[in-house]
Amino acid sequence: MNTRMLRRAILAGGIAILAVVSFGNPHRHVADLFWPDDAAPWEHVTAVYVPDISQPTRVKISEATYDDLAACRDYVMEQAAEQGDPNLEKGRFECAIGFYADKDDGTGGEYRLIVK
């Protein structure tokens, strides 16, 4: 393989990567690629806490202010301790990472990752 072919292969690979990343939502694709289990630096995490699983309609949802999964878990454990359930035996929680809106006005969308 000569140098010219190698350059063409690298250029073609770079174009293919740019095409995949720029199609749809590039921020989400990059986050999925490099941070598959946690929040990317530009993403925020929302805590969803159910204090008592026998009452699933009582849900506490935080603002999306946490920078990573650990901060979300810490918040939920503090809430559980305040509810008298420090080991989270009666309740459950989820951390929703990276909300991406479907529309420009932010009326619809989905979270990139939900960790239980």
PDB file of N, CA and C in Angstrom:
ATOM      1  N   MET A   1       0.856  -1.176   0.000  1.00  0.00           N
ATOM      2  CA  MET A   1       0.000   0.000   0.000  1.00  0.00           C
ATOM      3  C   MET A   1       0.897   1.233   0.000  1.00  0.00           C
ATOM      4  N   ASN A   2       0.693   2.060  -0.977  1.00  0.00           N
ATOM      5  CA  ASN A   2       1.557   3.233  -1.045  1.00  0.00           C
ATOM      6  C   ASN A   2       0.969   4.397  -0.257  1.00  0.00           C
ATOM      7  N   THR A   3       1.698   5.460  -0.160  1.00  0.00           N
ATOM      8  CA  THR A   3       1.319   6.621   0.656  1.00  0.00           C
ATOM      9  C   THR A   3       0.049   7.270   0.138  1.00  0.00           C
ATOM     10  N   ARG A   4      -0.099   7.313  -1.166  1.00  0.00           N
ATOM     11  CA  ARG A   4      -1.279   7.949  -1.749  1.00  0.00           C
ATOM     12  C   ARG A   4      -2.560   7.195  -1.361  1.00  0.00           C
ATOM     13  N   MET A   5      -2.508   5.886  -1.414  1.00  0.00           N
ATOM     14  CA  MET A   5      -3.677   5.084  -1.046  1.00  0.00           C
ATOM     15  C   MET A   5      -3.989   5.225   0.448  1.00  0.00           C
ATOM     16  N   LEU A   6      -2.949   5.294   1.245  1.00  0.00           N
ATOM     17  CA  LEU A   6      -3.142   5.454   2.684  1.00  0.00           C
ATOM     18  C   LEU A   6      -3.810   6.788   2.998  1.00  0.00           C
ATOM     19  N   ARG A   7      -3.378   7.850   2.352  1.00  0.00           N
ATOM     20  CA  ARG A   7      -3.996   9.163   2.555  1.00  0.00           C
ATOM     21  C   ARG A   7      -5.469   9.142   2.143  1.00  0.00           C
ATOM     22  N   ARG A   8      -5.760   8.499   1.032  1.00  0.00           N
ATOM     23  CA  ARG A   8      -7.149   8.415   0.569  1.00  0.00           C
ATOM     24  C   ARG A   8      -8.007   7.624   1.562  1.00  0.00           C
ATOM     25  N   ALA A   9      -7.454   6.560   2.102  1.00  0.00           N
ATOM     26  CA  ALA A   9      -8.197   5.756   3.068  1.00  0.00           C
ATOM     27  C   ALA A   9      -8.478   6.556   4.337  1.00  0.00           C
ATOM     28  N   ILE A  10      -7.501   7.308   4.802  1.00  0.00           N
ATOM     29  CA  ILE A  10      -7.677   8.139   5.995  1.00  0.00           C
ATOM     30  C   ILE A  10      -8.700   9.238   5.726  1.00  0.00           C
ATOM     31  N   LEU A  11      -8.637   9.856   4.570  1.00  0.00           N
ATOM     32  CA  LEU A  11      -9.592  10.896   4.197  1.00  0.00           C
ATOM     33  C   LEU A  11     -11.008  10.325   4.109  1.00  0.00           C
ATOM     34  N   ALA A  12     -11.151   9.172   3.491  1.00  0.00           N
ATOM     35  CA  ALA A  12     -12.469   8.533   3.373  1.00  0.00           C
ATOM     36  C   ALA A  12     -13.014   8.165   4.752  1.00  0.00           C
ATOM     37  N   GLY A  13     -12.156   7.664   5.624  1.00  0.00           N
ATOM     38  CA  GLY A  13     -12.580   7.333   6.984  1.00  0.00           C
ATOM     39  C   GLY A  13     -13.024   8.568   7.752  1.00  0.00           C
ATOM     40  N   GLY A  14     -12.264   9.647   7.600  1.00  0.00           N
ATOM     41  CA  GLY A  14     -12.627  10.902   8.263  1.00  0.00           C
ATOM     42  C   GLY A  14     -13.951  11.450   7.767  1.00  0.00           C
ATOM     43  N   ILE A  15     -14.183  11.379   6.478  1.00  0.00           N
ATOM     44  CA  ILE A  15     -15.452  11.845   5.918  1.00  0.00           C
ATOM     45  C   ILE A  15     -16.602  10.978   6.419  1.00  0.00           C
ATOM     46  N   ALA A  16     -16.389   9.675   6.489  1.00  0.00           N
ATOM     47  CA  ALA A  16     -17.430   8.771   6.984  1.00  0.00           C
ATOM     48  C   ALA A  16     -17.773   9.077   8.438  1.00  0.00           C
ATOM     49  N   ILE A  17     -16.770   9.319   9.256  1.00  0.00           N
ATOM     50  CA  ILE A  17     -17.001   9.640  10.674  1.00  0.00           C
ATOM     51  C   ILE A  17     -17.754  10.961  10.798  1.00  0.00           C
ATOM     52  N   LEU A  18     -17.357  11.975  10.029  1.00  0.00           N
ATOM     53  CA  LEU A  18     -18.055  13.259  10.073  1.00  0.00           C
ATOM     54  C   LEU A  18     -19.503  13.126   9.614  1.00  0.00           C
ATOM     55  N   ALA A  19     -19.751  12.299   8.621  1.00  0.00           N
ATOM     56  CA  ALA A  19     -21.120  12.101   8.138  1.00  0.00           C
ATOM     57  C   ALA A  19     -21.982  11.461   9.211  1.00  0.00           C
ATOM     58  N   VAL A  20     -21.456  10.452   9.891  1.00  0.00           N
ATOM     59  CA  VAL A  20     -22.226   9.769  10.940  1.00  0.00           C
ATOM     60  C   VAL A  20     -22.495  10.709  12.103  1.00  0.00           C
ATOM     61  N   VAL A  21     -21.481  11.466  12.517  1.00  0.00           N
ATOM     62  CA  VAL A  21     -21.621  12.361  13.667  1.00  0.00           C
ATOM     63  C   VAL A  21     -22.559  13.523  13.355  1.00  0.00           C
ATOM     64  N   SER A  22     -22.519  14.058  12.156  1.00  0.00           N
ATOM     65  CA  SER A  22     -23.332  15.236  11.843  1.00  0.00           C
ATOM     66  C   SER A  22     -24.769  14.886  11.485  1.00  0.00           C
ATOM     67  N   PHE A  23     -25.057  13.625  11.207  1.00  0.00           N
ATOM     68  CA  PHE A  23     -26.432  13.234  10.896  1.00  0.00           C
ATOM     69  C   PHE A  23     -27.246  13.171  12.181  1.00  0.00           C
ATOM     70  N   GLY A  24     -28.344  13.876  12.225  1.00  0.00           N
ATOM     71  CA  GLY A  24     -29.185  13.878  13.421  1.00  0.00           C
ATOM     72  C   GLY A  24     -28.664  14.847  14.458  1.00  0.00           C
ATOM     73  N   ASN A  25     -28.303  14.348  15.613  1.00  0.00           N
ATOM     74  CA  ASN A  25     -27.838  15.182  16.715  1.00  0.00           C
ATOM     75  C   ASN A  25     -26.384  14.827  17.026  1.00  0.00           C
ATOM     76  N   PRO A  26     -25.439  15.620  16.552  1.00  0.00           N
ATOM     77  CA  PRO A  26     -24.026  15.267  16.745  1.00  0.00           C
ATOM     78  C   PRO A  26     -23.597  15.219  18.208  1.00  0.00           C
ATOM     79  N   HIS A  27     -24.160  16.084  19.046  1.00  0.00           N
ATOM     80  CA  HIS A  27     -23.787  16.063  20.464  1.00  0.00           C
ATOM     81  C   HIS A  27     -24.147  14.720  21.095  1.00  0.00           C
ATOM     82  N   ARG A  28     -25.319  14.223  20.745  1.00  0.00           N
ATOM     83  CA  ARG A  28     -25.759  12.945  21.307  1.00  0.00           C
ATOM     84  C   ARG A  28     -24.880  11.806  20.810  1.00  0.00           C
ATOM     85  N   HIS A  29     -24.527  11.817  19.537  1.00  0.00           N
ATOM     86  CA  HIS A  29     -23.682  10.751  18.995  1.00  0.00           C
ATOM     87  C   HIS A  29     -22.311  10.741  19.659  1.00  0.00           C
ATOM     88  N   VAL A  30     -21.747  11.912  19.848  1.00  0.00           N
ATOM     89  CA  VAL A  30     -20.437  12.000  20.505  1.00  0.00           C
ATOM     90  C   VAL A  30     -20.541  11.537  21.954  1.00  0.00           C
ATOM     91  N   ALA A  31     -21.612  11.935  22.643  1.00  0.00           N
ATOM     92  CA  ALA A  31     -21.805  11.508  24.034  1.00  0.00           C
ATOM     93  C   ALA A  31     -21.956   9.990  24.118  1.00  0.00           C
ATOM     94  N   ASP A  32     -22.720   9.401  23.202  1.00  0.00           N
ATOM     95  CA  ASP A  32     -22.871   7.945  23.182  1.00  0.00           C
ATOM     96  C   ASP A  32     -21.544   7.246  22.940  1.00  0.00           C
ATOM     97  N   LEU A  33     -20.718   7.851  22.112  1.00  0.00           N
ATOM     98  CA  LEU A  33     -19.438   7.240  21.749  1.00  0.00           C
ATOM     99  C   LEU A  33     -18.423   7.288  22.896  1.00  0.00           C
ATOM    100  N   PHE A  34     -18.294   8.446  23.533  1.00  0.00           N
ATOM    101  CA  PHE A  34     -17.236   8.624  24.528  1.00  0.00           C
ATOM    102  C   PHE A  34     -17.691   8.480  25.979  1.00  0.00           C
ATOM    103  N   TRP A  35     -18.974   8.682  26.253  1.00  0.00           N
ATOM    104  CA  TRP A  35     -19.508   8.570  27.616  1.00  0.00           C
ATOM    105  C   TRP A  35     -20.743   7.665  27.605  1.00  0.00           C
ATOM    106  N   PRO A  36     -20.581   6.379  27.353  1.00  0.00           N
ATOM    107  CA  PRO A  36     -21.754   5.510  27.245  1.00  0.00           C
ATOM    108  C   PRO A  36     -22.467   5.243  28.577  1.00  0.00           C
ATOM    109  N   ASP A  37     -21.789   5.456  29.716  1.00  0.00           N
ATOM    110  CA  ASP A  37     -22.369   5.133  31.020  1.00  0.00           C
ATOM    111  C   ASP A  37     -22.523   6.329  31.944  1.00  0.00           C
ATOM    112  N   ASP A  38     -22.208   7.520  31.492  1.00  0.00           N
ATOM    113  CA  ASP A  38     -22.270   8.703  32.347  1.00  0.00           C
ATOM    114  C   ASP A  38     -22.571   9.919  31.480  1.00  0.00           C
ATOM    115  N   ALA A  39     -22.706  11.062  32.125  1.00  0.00           N
ATOM    116  CA  ALA A  39     -23.025  12.293  31.418  1.00  0.00           C
ATOM    117  C   ALA A  39     -21.781  12.865  30.744  1.00  0.00           C
ATOM    118  N   ALA A  40     -21.964  13.364  29.538  1.00  0.00           N
ATOM    119  CA  ALA A  40     -20.908  14.088  28.845  1.00  0.00           C
ATOM    120  C   ALA A  40     -20.750  15.452  29.526  1.00  0.00           C
ATOM    121  N   PRO A  41     -19.642  16.142  29.324  1.00  0.00           N
ATOM    122  CA  PRO A  41     -19.434  17.425  30.013  1.00  0.00           C
ATOM    123  C   PRO A  41     -20.522  18.467  29.757  1.00  0.00           C
ATOM    124  N   TRP A  42     -21.206  18.412  28.631  1.00  0.00           N
ATOM    125  CA  TRP A  42     -22.247  19.396  28.313  1.00  0.00           C
ATOM    126  C   TRP A  42     -23.648  18.935  28.732  1.00  0.00           C
ATOM    127  N   GLU A  43     -23.771  17.723  29.243  1.00  0.00           N
ATOM    128  CA  GLU A  43     -25.072  17.192  29.629  1.00  0.00           C
ATOM    129  C   GLU A  43     -25.342  17.392  31.117  1.00  0.00           C
ATOM    130  N   HIS A  44     -26.617  17.353  31.456  1.00  0.00           N
ATOM    131  CA  HIS A  44     -27.033  17.433  32.853  1.00  0.00           C
ATOM    132  C   HIS A  44     -27.838  16.185  33.203  1.00  0.00           C
ATOM    133  N   VAL A  45     -27.903  15.907  34.496  1.00  0.00           N
ATOM    134  CA  VAL A  45     -28.572  14.699  34.978  1.00  0.00           C
ATOM    135  C   VAL A  45     -29.755  15.104  35.850  1.00  0.00           C
ATOM    136  N   THR A  46     -30.885  14.439  35.642  1.00  0.00           N
ATOM    137  CA  THR A  46     -32.105  14.666  36.410  1.00  0.00           C
ATOM    138  C   THR A  46     -32.367  13.451  37.295  1.00  0.00           C
ATOM    139  N   ALA A  47     -32.613  13.688  38.568  1.00  0.00           N
ATOM    140  CA  ALA A  47     -32.920  12.597  39.501  1.00  0.00           C
ATOM    141  C   ALA A  47     -34.428  12.386  39.562  1.00  0.00           C
ATOM    142  N   VAL A  48     -34.840  11.129  39.447  1.00  0.00           N
ATOM    143  CA  VAL A  48     -36.247  10.743  39.582  1.00  0.00           C
ATOM    144  C   VAL A  48     -36.307   9.757  40.747  1.00  0.00           C
ATOM    145  N   TYR A  49     -36.996  10.158  41.819  1.00  0.00           N
ATOM    146  CA  TYR A  49     -37.011   9.378  43.050  1.00  0.00           C
ATOM    147  C   TYR A  49     -38.442   9.033  43.434  1.00  0.00           C
ATOM    148  N   VAL A  50     -38.685   7.762  43.673  1.00  0.00           N
ATOM    149  CA  VAL A  50     -39.978   7.278  44.174  1.00  0.00           C
ATOM    150  C   VAL A  50     -39.731   6.815  45.609  1.00  0.00           C
ATOM    151  N   PRO A  51     -40.212   7.578  46.611  1.00  0.00           N
ATOM    152  CA  PRO A  51     -39.928   7.236  48.008  1.00  0.00           C
ATOM    153  C   PRO A  51     -40.500   5.895  48.457  1.00  0.00           C
ATOM    154  N   ASP A  52     -41.643   5.512  47.894  1.00  0.00           N
ATOM    155  CA  ASP A  52     -42.297   4.273  48.307  1.00  0.00           C
ATOM    156  C   ASP A  52     -42.839   3.574  47.066  1.00  0.00           C
ATOM    157  N   ILE A  53     -42.289   2.409  46.744  1.00  0.00           N
ATOM    158  CA  ILE A  53     -42.708   1.729  45.514  1.00  0.00           C
ATOM    159  C   ILE A  53     -44.145   1.222  45.584  1.00  0.00           C
ATOM    160  N   SER A  54     -44.735   1.178  46.778  1.00  0.00           N
ATOM    161  CA  SER A  54     -46.147   0.796  46.879  1.00  0.00           C
ATOM    162  C   SER A  54     -47.056   1.953  46.470  1.00  0.00           C
ATOM    163  N   GLN A  55     -46.486   3.159  46.362  1.00  0.00           N
ATOM    164  CA  GLN A  55     -47.209   4.343  45.889  1.00  0.00           C
ATOM    165  C   GLN A  55     -46.446   4.939  44.701  1.00  0.00           C
ATOM    166  N   PRO A  56     -46.517   4.297  43.544  1.00  0.00           N
ATOM    167  CA  PRO A  56     -45.694   4.714  42.402  1.00  0.00           C
ATOM    168  C   PRO A  56     -46.075   6.064  41.801  1.00  0.00           C
ATOM    169  N   THR A  57     -47.219   6.621  42.196  1.00  0.00           N
ATOM    170  CA  THR A  57     -47.594   7.933  41.672  1.00  0.00           C
ATOM    171  C   THR A  57     -46.932   9.081  42.429  1.00  0.00           C
ATOM    172  N   ARG A  58     -46.374   8.801  43.593  1.00  0.00           N
ATOM    173  CA  ARG A  58     -45.639   9.816  44.354  1.00  0.00           C
ATOM    174  C   ARG A  58     -44.198   9.839  43.856  1.00  0.00           C
ATOM    175  N   VAL A  59     -43.909  10.746  42.965  1.00  0.00           N
ATOM    176  CA  VAL A  59     -42.596  10.815  42.331  1.00  0.00           C
ATOM    177  C   VAL A  59     -41.999  12.190  42.596  1.00  0.00           C
ATOM    178  N   LYS A  60     -40.728  12.215  42.947  1.00  0.00           N
ATOM    179  CA  LYS A  60     -40.010  13.478  43.127  1.00  0.00           C
ATOM    180  C   LYS A  60     -38.987  13.586  41.998  1.00  0.00           C
ATOM    181  N   ILE A  61     -39.117  14.632  41.213  1.00  0.00           N
ATOM    182  CA  ILE A  61     -38.217  14.852  40.080  1.00  0.00           C
ATOM    183  C   ILE A  61     -37.426  16.118  40.341  1.00  0.00           C
ATOM    184  N   SER A  62     -36.114  16.002  40.272  1.00  0.00           N
ATOM    185  CA  SER A  62     -35.254  17.164  40.514  1.00  0.00           C
ATOM    186  C   SER A  62     -35.131  17.990  39.233  1.00  0.00           C
ATOM    187  N   GLU A  63     -34.578  19.160  39.391  1.00  0.00           N
ATOM    188  CA  GLU A  63     -34.184  19.933  38.213  1.00  0.00           C
ATOM    189  C   GLU A  63     -32.964  19.245  37.602  1.00  0.00           C
ATOM    190  N   ALA A  64     -32.706  19.516  36.349  1.00  0.00           N
ATOM    191  CA  ALA A  64     -31.549  18.914  35.677  1.00  0.00           C
ATOM    192  C   ALA A  64     -30.300  19.722  36.017  1.00  0.00           C
ATOM    193  N   THR A  65     -29.812  19.542  37.230  1.00  0.00           N
ATOM    194  CA  THR A  65     -28.695  20.368  37.687  1.00  0.00           C
ATOM    195  C   THR A  65     -27.429  19.579  38.003  1.00  0.00           C
ATOM    196  N   TYR A  66     -27.497  18.280  37.938  1.00  0.00           N
ATOM    197  CA  TYR A  66     -26.338  17.482  38.342  1.00  0.00           C
ATOM    198  C   TYR A  66     -25.425  17.249  37.146  1.00  0.00           C
ATOM    199  N   ASP A  67     -24.127  17.267  37.424  1.00  0.00           N
ATOM    200  CA  ASP A  67     -23.144  17.150  36.354  1.00  0.00           C
ATOM    201  C   ASP A  67     -22.810  15.714  35.990  1.00  0.00           C
ATOM    202  N   ASP A  68     -23.043  14.805  36.918  1.00  0.00           N
ATOM    203  CA  ASP A  68     -22.706  13.414  36.618  1.00  0.00           C
ATOM    204  C   ASP A  68     -23.602  12.466  37.411  1.00  0.00           C
ATOM    205  N   LEU A  69     -23.436  11.201  37.146  1.00  0.00           N
ATOM    206  CA  LEU A  69     -24.256  10.172  37.759  1.00  0.00           C
ATOM    207  C   LEU A  69     -24.030  10.085  39.269  1.00  0.00           C
ATOM    208  N   ALA A  70     -22.810  10.272  39.709  1.00  0.00           N
ATOM    209  CA  ALA A  70     -22.496  10.192  41.139  1.00  0.00           C
ATOM    210  C   ALA A  70     -23.237  11.276  41.931  1.00  0.00           C
ATOM    211  N   ALA A  71     -23.301  12.489  41.392  1.00  0.00           N
ATOM    212  CA  ALA A  71     -24.007  13.574  42.076  1.00  0.00           C
ATOM    213  C   ALA A  71     -25.500  13.283  42.154  1.00  0.00           C
ATOM    214  N   CYS A  72     -26.047  12.688  41.110  1.00  0.00           N
ATOM    215  CA  CYS A  72     -27.460  12.300  41.112  1.00  0.00           C
ATOM    216  C   CYS A  72     -27.726  11.259  42.186  1.00  0.00           C
ATOM    217  N   ARG A  73     -26.887  10.253  42.244  1.00  0.00           N
ATOM    218  CA  ARG A  73     -27.054   9.196  43.253  1.00  0.00           C
ATOM    219  C   ARG A  73     -26.919   9.755  44.665  1.00  0.00           C
ATOM    220  N   ASP A  74     -25.971  10.654  44.873  1.00  0.00           N
ATOM    221  CA  ASP A  74     -25.806  11.274  46.186  1.00  0.00           C
ATOM    222  C   ASP A  74     -27.068  12.027  46.595  1.00  0.00           C
ATOM    223  N   TYR A  75     -27.649  12.766  45.668  1.00  0.00           N
ATOM    224  CA  TYR A  75     -28.880  13.505  45.949  1.00  0.00           C
ATOM    225  C   TYR A  75     -30.008  12.547  46.335  1.00  0.00           C
ATOM    226  N   VAL A  76     -30.160  11.473  45.578  1.00  0.00           N
ATOM    227  CA  VAL A  76     -31.232  10.516  45.859  1.00  0.00           C
ATOM    228  C   VAL A  76     -31.017   9.855  47.223  1.00  0.00           C
ATOM    229  N   MET A  77     -29.801   9.517  47.546  1.00  0.00           N
ATOM    230  CA  MET A  77     -29.537   8.885  48.843  1.00  0.00           C
ATOM    231  C   MET A  77     -29.820   9.857  49.993  1.00  0.00           C
ATOM    232  N   GLU A  78     -29.545  11.149  49.792  1.00  0.00           N
ATOM    233  CA  GLU A  78     -29.900  12.150  50.807  1.00  0.00           C
ATOM    234  C   GLU A  78     -31.412  12.218  50.984  1.00  0.00           C
ATOM    235  N   GLN A  79     -32.146  12.219  49.858  1.00  0.00           N
ATOM    236  CA  GLN A  79     -33.607  12.243  49.916  1.00  0.00           C
ATOM    237  C   GLN A  79     -34.146  11.000  50.617  1.00  0.00           C
ATOM    238  N   ALA A  80     -33.566   9.852  50.323  1.00  0.00           N
ATOM    239  CA  ALA A  80     -34.000   8.599  50.944  1.00  0.00           C
ATOM    240  C   ALA A  80     -33.751   8.637  52.450  1.00  0.00           C
ATOM    241  N   ALA A  81     -32.602   9.166  52.853  1.00  0.00           N
ATOM    242  CA  ALA A  81     -32.294   9.269  54.283  1.00  0.00           C
ATOM    243  C   ALA A  81     -33.292  10.188  54.982  1.00  0.00           C
ATOM    244  N   GLU A  82     -33.675  11.278  54.334  1.00  0.00           N
ATOM    245  CA  GLU A  82     -34.666  12.190  54.908  1.00  0.00           C
ATOM    246  C   GLU A  82     -36.030  11.513  55.044  1.00  0.00           C
ATOM    247  N   GLN A  83     -36.326  10.568  54.170  1.00  0.00           N
ATOM    248  CA  GLN A  83     -37.599   9.843  54.204  1.00  0.00           C
ATOM    249  C   GLN A  83     -37.543   8.642  55.156  1.00  0.00           C
ATOM    250  N   GLY A  84     -36.406   8.438  55.844  1.00  0.00           N
ATOM    251  CA  GLY A  84     -36.268   7.326  56.771  1.00  0.00           C
ATOM    252  C   GLY A  84     -35.938   6.007  56.090  1.00  0.00           C
ATOM    253  N   ASP A  85     -35.382   6.086  54.885  1.00  0.00           N
ATOM    254  CA  ASP A  85     -35.039   4.884  54.112  1.00  0.00           C
ATOM    255  C   ASP A  85     -33.600   5.014  53.591  1.00  0.00           C
ATOM    256  N   PRO A  86     -32.606   5.051  54.513  1.00  0.00           N
ATOM    257  CA  PRO A  86     -31.234   5.327  54.083  1.00  0.00           C
ATOM    258  C   PRO A  86     -30.631   4.249  53.172  1.00  0.00           C
ATOM    259  N   ASN A  87     -31.147   3.037  53.223  1.00  0.00           N
ATOM    260  CA  ASN A  87     -30.626   1.965  52.361  1.00  0.00           C
ATOM    261  C   ASN A  87     -31.465   1.757  51.109  1.00  0.00           C
ATOM    262  N   LEU A  88     -32.438   2.625  50.912  1.00  0.00           N
ATOM    263  CA  LEU A  88     -33.318   2.596  49.742  1.00  0.00           C
ATOM    264  C   LEU A  88     -33.991   1.229  49.586  1.00  0.00           C
ATOM    265  N   GLU A  89     -34.574   0.765  50.693  1.00  0.00           N
ATOM    266  CA  GLU A  89     -35.260  -0.526  50.687  1.00  0.00           C
ATOM    267  C   GLU A  89     -36.721  -0.393  50.272  1.00  0.00           C
ATOM    268  N   LYS A  90     -37.339   0.767  50.555  1.00  0.00           N
ATOM    269  CA  LYS A  90     -38.747   0.973  50.217  1.00  0.00           C
ATOM    270  C   LYS A  90     -38.920   1.715  48.893  1.00  0.00           C
ATOM    271  N   GLY A  91     -37.939   2.484  48.509  1.00  0.00           N
ATOM    272  CA  GLY A  91     -38.071   3.315  47.320  1.00  0.00           C
ATOM    273  C   GLY A  91     -37.171   2.851  46.181  1.00  0.00           C
ATOM    274  N   ARG A  92     -37.199   3.627  45.122  1.00  0.00           N
ATOM    275  CA  ARG A  92     -36.326   3.367  43.974  1.00  0.00           C
ATOM    276  C   ARG A  92     -36.018   4.698  43.298  1.00  0.00           C
ATOM    277  N   PHE A  93     -35.053   4.682  42.400  1.00  0.00           N
ATOM    278  CA  PHE A  93     -34.698   5.915  41.705  1.00  0.00           C
ATOM    279  C   PHE A  93     -34.147   5.612  40.321  1.00  0.00           C
ATOM    280  N   GLU A  94     -34.138   6.645  39.517  1.00  0.00           N
ATOM    281  CA  GLU A  94     -33.502   6.621  38.206  1.00  0.00           C
ATOM    282  C   GLU A  94     -32.784   7.949  38.022  1.00  0.00           C
ATOM    283  N   CYS A  95     -31.689   7.912  37.292  1.00  0.00           N
ATOM    284  CA  CYS A  95     -31.002   9.130  36.905  1.00  0.00           C
ATOM    285  C   CYS A  95     -31.096   9.241  35.390  1.00  0.00           C
ATOM    286  N   ALA A  96     -31.737  10.300  34.926  1.00  0.00           N
ATOM    287  CA  ALA A  96     -31.944  10.517  33.499  1.00  0.00           C
ATOM    288  C   ALA A  96     -30.865  11.473  32.990  1.00  0.00           C
ATOM    289  N   ILE A  97     -30.105  11.013  32.022  1.00  0.00           N
ATOM    290  CA  ILE A  97     -28.927  11.746  31.554  1.00  0.00           C
ATOM    291  C   ILE A  97     -29.165  12.327  30.175  1.00  0.00           C
ATOM    292  N   GLY A  98     -28.867  13.617  30.021  1.00  0.00           N
ATOM    293  CA  GLY A  98     -28.828  14.269  28.720  1.00  0.00           C
ATOM    294  C   GLY A  98     -30.141  14.347  27.976  1.00  0.00           C
ATOM    295  N   PHE A  99     -30.971  15.334  28.283  1.00  0.00           N
ATOM    296  CA  PHE A  99     -32.230  15.507  27.553  1.00  0.00           C
ATOM    297  C   PHE A  99     -31.950  16.174  26.218  1.00  0.00           C
ATOM    298  N   TYR A 100     -32.450  15.553  25.159  1.00  0.00           N
ATOM    299  CA  TYR A 100     -32.298  16.092  23.805  1.00  0.00           C
ATOM    300  C   TYR A 100     -33.685  16.334  23.230  1.00  0.00           C
ATOM    301  N   ALA A 101     -33.969  17.591  22.920  1.00  0.00           N
ATOM    302  CA  ALA A 101     -35.276  17.981  22.407  1.00  0.00           C
ATOM    303  C   ALA A 101     -35.422  17.565  20.945  1.00  0.00           C
ATOM    304  N   ASP A 102     -36.637  17.130  20.605  1.00  0.00           N
ATOM    305  CA  ASP A 102     -36.941  16.793  19.216  1.00  0.00           C
ATOM    306  C   ASP A 102     -37.198  18.035  18.386  1.00  0.00           C
ATOM    307  N   LYS A 103     -37.757  19.047  19.028  1.00  0.00           N
ATOM    308  CA  LYS A 103     -38.130  20.271  18.322  1.00  0.00           C
ATOM    309  C   LYS A 103     -37.364  21.444  18.908  1.00  0.00           C
ATOM    310  N   ASP A 104     -37.258  22.512  18.153  1.00  0.00           N
ATOM    311  CA  ASP A 104     -36.524  23.690  18.603  1.00  0.00           C
ATOM    312  C   ASP A 104     -37.165  24.366  19.805  1.00  0.00           C
ATOM    313  N   ASP A 105     -38.485  24.231  19.960  1.00  0.00           N
ATOM    314  CA  ASP A 105     -39.149  24.887  21.089  1.00  0.00           C
ATOM    315  C   ASP A 105     -39.067  24.076  22.373  1.00  0.00           C
ATOM    316  N   GLY A 106     -38.467  22.878  22.316  1.00  0.00           N
ATOM    317  CA  GLY A 106     -38.245  22.071  23.511  1.00  0.00           C
ATOM    318  C   GLY A 106     -39.470  21.352  24.035  1.00  0.00           C
ATOM    319  N   THR A 107     -40.527  21.243  23.220  1.00  0.00           N
ATOM    320  CA  THR A 107     -41.760  20.618  23.694  1.00  0.00           C
ATOM    321  C   THR A 107     -41.696  19.101  23.727  1.00  0.00           C
ATOM    322  N   GLY A 108     -40.814  18.506  23.003  1.00  0.00           N
ATOM    323  CA  GLY A 108     -40.699  17.042  23.001  1.00  0.00           C
ATOM    324  C   GLY A 108     -39.245  16.632  23.008  1.00  0.00           C
ATOM    325  N   GLY A 109     -39.012  15.393  23.329  1.00  0.00           N
ATOM    326  CA  GLY A 109     -37.642  14.907  23.332  1.00  0.00           C
ATOM    327  C   GLY A 109     -37.499  13.684  24.184  1.00  0.00           C
ATOM    328  N   GLU A 110     -36.253  13.287  24.372  1.00  0.00           N
ATOM    329  CA  GLU A 110     -35.986  12.108  25.177  1.00  0.00           C
ATOM    330  C   GLU A 110     -34.617  12.226  25.834  1.00  0.00           C
ATOM    331  N   TYR A 111     -34.443  11.430  26.864  1.00  0.00           N
ATOM    332  CA  TYR A 111     -33.148  11.378  27.534  1.00  0.00           C
ATOM    333  C   TYR A 111     -32.251  10.388  26.806  1.00  0.00           C
ATOM    334  N   ARG A 112     -30.977  10.700  26.759  1.00  0.00           N
ATOM    335  CA  ARG A 112     -30.022   9.828  26.089  1.00  0.00           C
ATOM    336  C   ARG A 112     -29.851   8.516  26.831  1.00  0.00           C
ATOM    337  N   LEU A 113     -29.868   8.578  28.154  1.00  0.00           N
ATOM    338  CA  LEU A 113     -29.592   7.408  28.956  1.00  0.00           C
ATOM    339  C   LEU A 113     -30.357   7.495  30.278  1.00  0.00           C
ATOM    340  N   ILE A 114     -30.950   6.392  30.700  1.00  0.00           N
ATOM    341  CA  ILE A 114     -31.615   6.334  32.002  1.00  0.00           C
ATOM    342  C   ILE A 114     -30.978   5.196  32.784  1.00  0.00           C
ATOM    343  N   VAL A 115     -30.398   5.544  33.926  1.00  0.00           N
ATOM    344  CA  VAL A 115     -29.695   4.571  34.761  1.00  0.00           C
ATOM    345  C   VAL A 115     -30.502   4.339  36.026  1.00  0.00           C
ATOM    346  N   LYS A 116     -30.736   3.074  36.345  1.00  0.00           N
ATOM    347  CA  LYS A 116     -31.504   2.719  37.545  1.00  0.00           C
ATOM    348  C   LYS A 116     -30.585   2.387  38.681  1.00  0.00           C
TER     349      LYS A 116
END
